[in-house]
Amino acid sequence: MAKRRIAWWKLLGLAGAAGVAAGGVLVARNERQRRAYTPDQIRDRLHRRLDELEGHED
C-alpha cells in the first residue's frame, strides 16, 4: 500500500513538471513571435495605436 501512495505522488510530480514545461514552450513561442518584428514595424504599430487613441478622445 505504501508503494501505491508513492506512485501517486510521483505521477502528481510528473504531471506538474509537464505542465511547467508546456507553459515554458508557450512563453518561448510567444517571445519568438514578438521578436519577429523589426524595430521599424514596432514603431509604426505604436504610432498607429497612438493616432487611434488620440482620435477617440473627442
PDB file of N, CA and C in Angstrom:
ATOM      1  N   MET A   1       0.824  -1.192   0.000  1.00  0.00           N
ATOM      2  CA  MET A   1       0.000   0.000   0.000  1.00  0.00           C
ATOM      3  C   MET A   1       0.868   1.257   0.000  1.00  0.00           C
ATOM      4  N   ALA A   2       2.003   1.228   0.669  1.00  0.00           N
ATOM      5  CA  ALA A   2       2.885   2.390   0.693  1.00  0.00           C
ATOM      6  C   ALA A   2       3.430   2.671  -0.704  1.00  0.00           C
ATOM      7  N   LYS A   3       3.704   1.643  -1.455  1.00  0.00           N
ATOM      8  CA  LYS A   3       4.199   1.828  -2.814  1.00  0.00           C
ATOM      9  C   LYS A   3       3.165   2.549  -3.675  1.00  0.00           C
ATOM     10  N   ARG A   4       1.928   2.252  -3.454  1.00  0.00           N
ATOM     11  CA  ARG A   4       0.868   2.875  -4.251  1.00  0.00           C
ATOM     12  C   ARG A   4       0.787   4.377  -3.976  1.00  0.00           C
ATOM     13  N   ARG A   5       0.969   4.797  -2.734  1.00  0.00           N
ATOM     14  CA  ARG A   5       0.959   6.214  -2.404  1.00  0.00           C
ATOM     15  C   ARG A   5       2.143   6.933  -3.040  1.00  0.00           C
ATOM     16  N   ILE A   6       3.282   6.311  -3.024  1.00  0.00           N
ATOM     17  CA  ILE A   6       4.458   6.898  -3.657  1.00  0.00           C
ATOM     18  C   ILE A   6       4.210   7.053  -5.147  1.00  0.00           C
ATOM     19  N   ALA A   7       3.577   6.095  -5.753  1.00  0.00           N
ATOM     20  CA  ALA A   7       3.300   6.164  -7.182  1.00  0.00           C
ATOM     21  C   ALA A   7       2.390   7.344  -7.489  1.00  0.00           C
ATOM     22  N   TRP A   8       1.412   7.598  -6.630  1.00  0.00           N
ATOM     23  CA  TRP A   8       0.529   8.742  -6.861  1.00  0.00           C
ATOM     24  C   TRP A   8       1.295  10.055  -6.773  1.00  0.00           C
ATOM     25  N   TRP A   9       2.182  10.167  -5.797  1.00  0.00           N
ATOM     26  CA  TRP A   9       2.965  11.385  -5.650  1.00  0.00           C
ATOM     27  C   TRP A   9       3.911  11.582  -6.828  1.00  0.00           C
ATOM     28  N   LYS A  10       4.451  10.466  -7.307  1.00  0.00           N
ATOM     29  CA  LYS A  10       5.327  10.560  -8.476  1.00  0.00           C
ATOM     30  C   LYS A  10       4.536  11.030  -9.699  1.00  0.00           C
ATOM     31  N   LEU A  11       3.347  10.477  -9.879  1.00  0.00           N
ATOM     32  CA  LEU A  11       2.518  10.883 -11.016  1.00  0.00           C
ATOM     33  C   LEU A  11       2.120  12.354 -10.901  1.00  0.00           C
ATOM     34  N   LEU A  12       1.788  12.781  -9.706  1.00  0.00           N
ATOM     35  CA  LEU A  12       1.426  14.178  -9.495  1.00  0.00           C
ATOM     36  C   LEU A  12       2.617  15.095  -9.796  1.00  0.00           C
ATOM     37  N   GLY A  13       3.794  14.692  -9.364  1.00  0.00           N
ATOM     38  CA  GLY A  13       5.004  15.468  -9.628  1.00  0.00           C
ATOM     39  C   GLY A  13       5.331  15.517 -11.112  1.00  0.00           C
ATOM     40  N   LEU A  14       5.190  14.398 -11.790  1.00  0.00           N
ATOM     41  CA  LEU A  14       5.446  14.361 -13.232  1.00  0.00           C
ATOM     42  C   LEU A  14       4.436  15.213 -13.989  1.00  0.00           C
ATOM     43  N   ALA A  15       3.187  15.179 -13.563  1.00  0.00           N
ATOM     44  CA  ALA A  15       2.163  15.999 -14.219  1.00  0.00           C
ATOM     45  C   ALA A  15       2.467  17.485 -14.019  1.00  0.00           C
ATOM     46  N   GLY A  16       2.906  17.849 -12.833  1.00  0.00           N
ATOM     47  CA  GLY A  16       3.275  19.242 -12.575  1.00  0.00           C
ATOM     48  C   GLY A  16       4.460  19.677 -13.423  1.00  0.00           C
ATOM     49  N   ALA A  17       5.455  18.812 -13.529  1.00  0.00           N
ATOM     50  CA  ALA A  17       6.632  19.130 -14.343  1.00  0.00           C
ATOM     51  C   ALA A  17       6.241  19.265 -15.817  1.00  0.00           C
ATOM     52  N   ALA A  18       5.350  18.414 -16.282  1.00  0.00           N
ATOM     53  CA  ALA A  18       4.890  18.508 -17.667  1.00  0.00           C
ATOM     54  C   ALA A  18       4.130  19.811 -17.900  1.00  0.00           C
ATOM     55  N   GLY A  19       3.355  20.227 -16.923  1.00  0.00           N
ATOM     56  CA  GLY A  19       2.626  21.485 -17.039  1.00  0.00           C
ATOM     57  C   GLY A  19       3.555  22.673 -17.097  1.00  0.00           C
ATOM     58  N   VAL A  20       4.591  22.663 -16.283  1.00  0.00           N
ATOM     59  CA  VAL A  20       5.575  23.750 -16.295  1.00  0.00           C
ATOM     60  C   VAL A  20       6.310  23.779 -17.631  1.00  0.00           C
ATOM     61  N   ALA A  21       6.673  22.609 -18.134  1.00  0.00           N
ATOM     62  CA  ALA A  21       7.369  22.543 -19.418  1.00  0.00           C
ATOM     63  C   ALA A  21       6.479  23.052 -20.544  1.00  0.00           C
ATOM     64  N   ALA A  22       5.210  22.676 -20.526  1.00  0.00           N
ATOM     65  CA  ALA A  22       4.281  23.139 -21.563  1.00  0.00           C
ATOM     66  C   ALA A  22       4.114  24.656 -21.492  1.00  0.00           C
ATOM     67  N   GLY A  23       4.044  25.194 -20.295  1.00  0.00           N
ATOM     68  CA  GLY A  23       3.943  26.644 -20.145  1.00  0.00           C
ATOM     69  C   GLY A  23       5.184  27.345 -20.675  1.00  0.00           C
ATOM     70  N   GLY A  24       6.343  26.772 -20.436  1.00  0.00           N
ATOM     71  CA  GLY A  24       7.588  27.335 -20.941  1.00  0.00           C
ATOM     72  C   GLY A  24       7.639  27.333 -22.458  1.00  0.00           C
ATOM     73  N   VAL A  25       7.109  26.290 -23.061  1.00  0.00           N
ATOM     74  CA  VAL A  25       7.071  26.209 -24.518  1.00  0.00           C
ATOM     75  C   VAL A  25       6.191  27.324 -25.076  1.00  0.00           C
ATOM     76  N   LEU A  26       5.049  27.568 -24.459  1.00  0.00           N
ATOM     77  CA  LEU A  26       4.155  28.633 -24.925  1.00  0.00           C
ATOM     78  C   LEU A  26       4.791  30.008 -24.779  1.00  0.00           C
ATOM     79  N   VAL A  27       5.472  30.229 -23.670  1.00  0.00           N
ATOM     80  CA  VAL A  27       6.140  31.517 -23.465  1.00  0.00           C
ATOM     81  C   VAL A  27       7.236  31.718 -24.503  1.00  0.00           C
ATOM     82  N   ALA A  28       8.012  30.681 -24.765  1.00  0.00           N
ATOM     83  CA  ALA A  28       9.096  30.789 -25.751  1.00  0.00           C
ATOM     84  C   ALA A  28       8.536  31.051 -27.148  1.00  0.00           C
ATOM     85  N   ARG A  29       7.446  30.399 -27.489  1.00  0.00           N
ATOM     86  CA  ARG A  29       6.841  30.611 -28.812  1.00  0.00           C
ATOM     87  C   ARG A  29       6.342  32.044 -28.949  1.00  0.00           C
ATOM     88  N   ASN A  30       5.680  32.554 -27.925  1.00  0.00           N
ATOM     89  CA  ASN A  30       5.200  33.933 -27.974  1.00  0.00           C
ATOM     90  C   ASN A  30       6.352  34.926 -28.052  1.00  0.00           C
ATOM     91  N   GLU A  31       7.431  34.644 -27.370  1.00  0.00           N
ATOM     92  CA  GLU A  31       8.597  35.523 -27.403  1.00  0.00           C
ATOM     93  C   GLU A  31       9.206  35.548 -28.803  1.00  0.00           C
ATOM     94  N   ARG A  32       9.284  34.403 -29.447  1.00  0.00           N
ATOM     95  CA  ARG A  32       9.820  34.359 -30.817  1.00  0.00           C
ATOM     96  C   ARG A  32       8.939  35.146 -31.765  1.00  0.00           C
ATOM     97  N   GLN A  33       7.629  35.045 -31.612  1.00  0.00           N
ATOM     98  CA  GLN A  33       6.714  35.795 -32.467  1.00  0.00           C
ATOM     99  C   GLN A  33       6.867  37.294 -32.222  1.00  0.00           C
ATOM    100  N   ARG A  34       7.048  37.682 -30.983  1.00  0.00           N
ATOM    101  CA  ARG A  34       7.198  39.093 -30.663  1.00  0.00           C
ATOM    102  C   ARG A  34       8.490  39.640 -31.247  1.00  0.00           C
ATOM    103  N   ARG A  35       9.543  38.889 -31.185  1.00  0.00           N
ATOM    104  CA  ARG A  35      10.837  39.338 -31.685  1.00  0.00           C
ATOM    105  C   ARG A  35      10.926  39.277 -33.206  1.00  0.00           C
ATOM    106  N   ALA A  36       9.926  38.721 -33.866  1.00  0.00           N
ATOM    107  CA  ALA A  36       9.955  38.624 -35.317  1.00  0.00           C
ATOM    108  C   ALA A  36       9.732  39.990 -35.970  1.00  0.00           C
ATOM    109  N   TYR A  37       9.243  40.976 -35.217  1.00  0.00           N
ATOM    110  CA  TYR A  37       9.016  42.312 -35.764  1.00  0.00           C
ATOM    111  C   TYR A  37      10.335  43.089 -35.818  1.00  0.00           C
ATOM    112  N   THR A  38      10.487  43.875 -36.853  1.00  0.00           N
ATOM    113  CA  THR A  38      11.642  44.765 -36.925  1.00  0.00           C
ATOM    114  C   THR A  38      11.346  45.999 -36.075  1.00  0.00           C
ATOM    115  N   PRO A  39      12.363  46.729 -35.672  1.00  0.00           N
ATOM    116  CA  PRO A  39      12.113  47.949 -34.896  1.00  0.00           C
ATOM    117  C   PRO A  39      11.218  48.943 -35.644  1.00  0.00           C
ATOM    118  N   ASP A  40      11.376  49.034 -36.952  1.00  0.00           N
ATOM    119  CA  ASP A  40      10.523  49.941 -37.729  1.00  0.00           C
ATOM    120  C   ASP A  40       9.056  49.513 -37.685  1.00  0.00           C
ATOM    121  N   GLN A  41       8.814  48.205 -37.738  1.00  0.00           N
ATOM    122  CA  GLN A  41       7.440  47.715 -37.666  1.00  0.00           C
ATOM    123  C   GLN A  41       6.832  48.023 -36.300  1.00  0.00           C
ATOM    124  N   ILE A  42       7.591  47.840 -35.253  1.00  0.00           N
ATOM    125  CA  ILE A  42       7.093  48.124 -33.905  1.00  0.00           C
ATOM    126  C   ILE A  42       6.784  49.609 -33.770  1.00  0.00           C
ATOM    127  N   ARG A  43       7.684  50.453 -34.258  1.00  0.00           N
ATOM    128  CA  ARG A  43       7.485  51.899 -34.188  1.00  0.00           C
ATOM    129  C   ARG A  43       6.230  52.307 -34.949  1.00  0.00           C
ATOM    130  N   ASP A  44       6.044  51.748 -36.147  1.00  0.00           N
ATOM    131  CA  ASP A  44       4.853  52.052 -36.947  1.00  0.00           C
ATOM    132  C   ASP A  44       3.573  51.628 -36.232  1.00  0.00           C
ATOM    133  N   ARG A  45       3.605  50.438 -35.641  1.00  0.00           N
ATOM    134  CA  ARG A  45       2.413  49.958 -34.918  1.00  0.00           C
ATOM    135  C   ARG A  45       2.095  50.859 -33.732  1.00  0.00           C
ATOM    136  N   LEU A  46       3.124  51.263 -33.001  1.00  0.00           N
ATOM    137  CA  LEU A  46       2.896  52.133 -31.846  1.00  0.00           C
ATOM    138  C   LEU A  46       2.349  53.494 -32.282  1.00  0.00           C
ATOM    139  N   HIS A  47       2.878  54.019 -33.364  1.00  0.00           N
ATOM    140  CA  HIS A  47       2.385  55.308 -33.859  1.00  0.00           C
ATOM    141  C   HIS A  47       0.918  55.187 -34.306  1.00  0.00           C
ATOM    142  N   ARG A  48       0.581  54.085 -34.965  1.00  0.00           N
ATOM    143  CA  ARG A  48      -0.811  53.885 -35.384  1.00  0.00           C
ATOM    144  C   ARG A  48      -1.735  53.788 -34.180  1.00  0.00           C
ATOM    145  N   ARG A  49      -1.303  53.052 -33.146  1.00  0.00           N
ATOM    146  CA  ARG A  49      -2.132  52.917 -31.943  1.00  0.00           C
ATOM    147  C   ARG A  49      -2.303  54.263 -31.253  1.00  0.00           C
ATOM    148  N   LEU A  50      -1.236  55.048 -31.205  1.00  0.00           N
ATOM    149  CA  LEU A  50      -1.319  56.374 -30.604  1.00  0.00           C
ATOM    150  C   LEU A  50      -2.278  57.258 -31.393  1.00  0.00           C
ATOM    151  N   ASP A  51      -2.178  57.213 -32.711  1.00  0.00           N
ATOM    152  CA  ASP A  51      -3.080  58.003 -33.549  1.00  0.00           C
ATOM    153  C   ASP A  51      -4.539  57.597 -33.334  1.00  0.00           C
ATOM    154  N   GLU A  52      -4.786  56.288 -33.183  1.00  0.00           N
ATOM    155  CA  GLU A  52      -6.151  55.812 -32.935  1.00  0.00           C
ATOM    156  C   GLU A  52      -6.659  56.327 -31.590  1.00  0.00           C
ATOM    157  N   LEU A  53      -5.810  56.280 -30.576  1.00  0.00           N
ATOM    158  CA  LEU A  53      -6.227  56.746 -29.249  1.00  0.00           C
ATOM    159  C   LEU A  53      -6.477  58.243 -29.242  1.00  0.00           C
ATOM    160  N   GLU A  54      -5.634  58.990 -29.888  1.00  0.00           N
ATOM    161  CA  GLU A  54      -5.821  60.438 -29.936  1.00  0.00           C
ATOM    162  C   GLU A  54      -7.069  60.804 -30.725  1.00  0.00           C
ATOM    163  N   GLY A  55      -7.418  59.998 -31.705  1.00  0.00           N
ATOM    164  CA  GLY A  55      -8.613  60.261 -32.500  1.00  0.00           C
ATOM    165  C   GLY A  55      -9.897  59.964 -31.747  1.00  0.00           C
ATOM    166  N   HIS A  56      -9.848  59.101 -30.729  1.00  0.00           N
ATOM    167  CA  HIS A  56     -11.053  58.718 -29.978  1.00  0.00           C
ATOM    168  C   HIS A  56     -11.277  59.566 -28.739  1.00  0.00           C
ATOM    169  N   GLU A  57     -10.445  60.560 -28.495  1.00  0.00           N
ATOM    170  CA  GLU A  57     -10.584  61.371 -27.282  1.00  0.00           C
ATOM    171  C   GLU A  57     -11.584  62.509 -27.443  1.00  0.00           C
ATOM    172  N   ASP A  58     -12.311  62.559 -28.512  1.00  0.00           N
ATOM    173  CA  ASP A  58     -13.243  63.669 -28.777  1.00  0.00           C
ATOM    174  C   ASP A  58     -14.188  63.917 -27.646  1.00  0.00           C
TER     175      ASP A  58
END
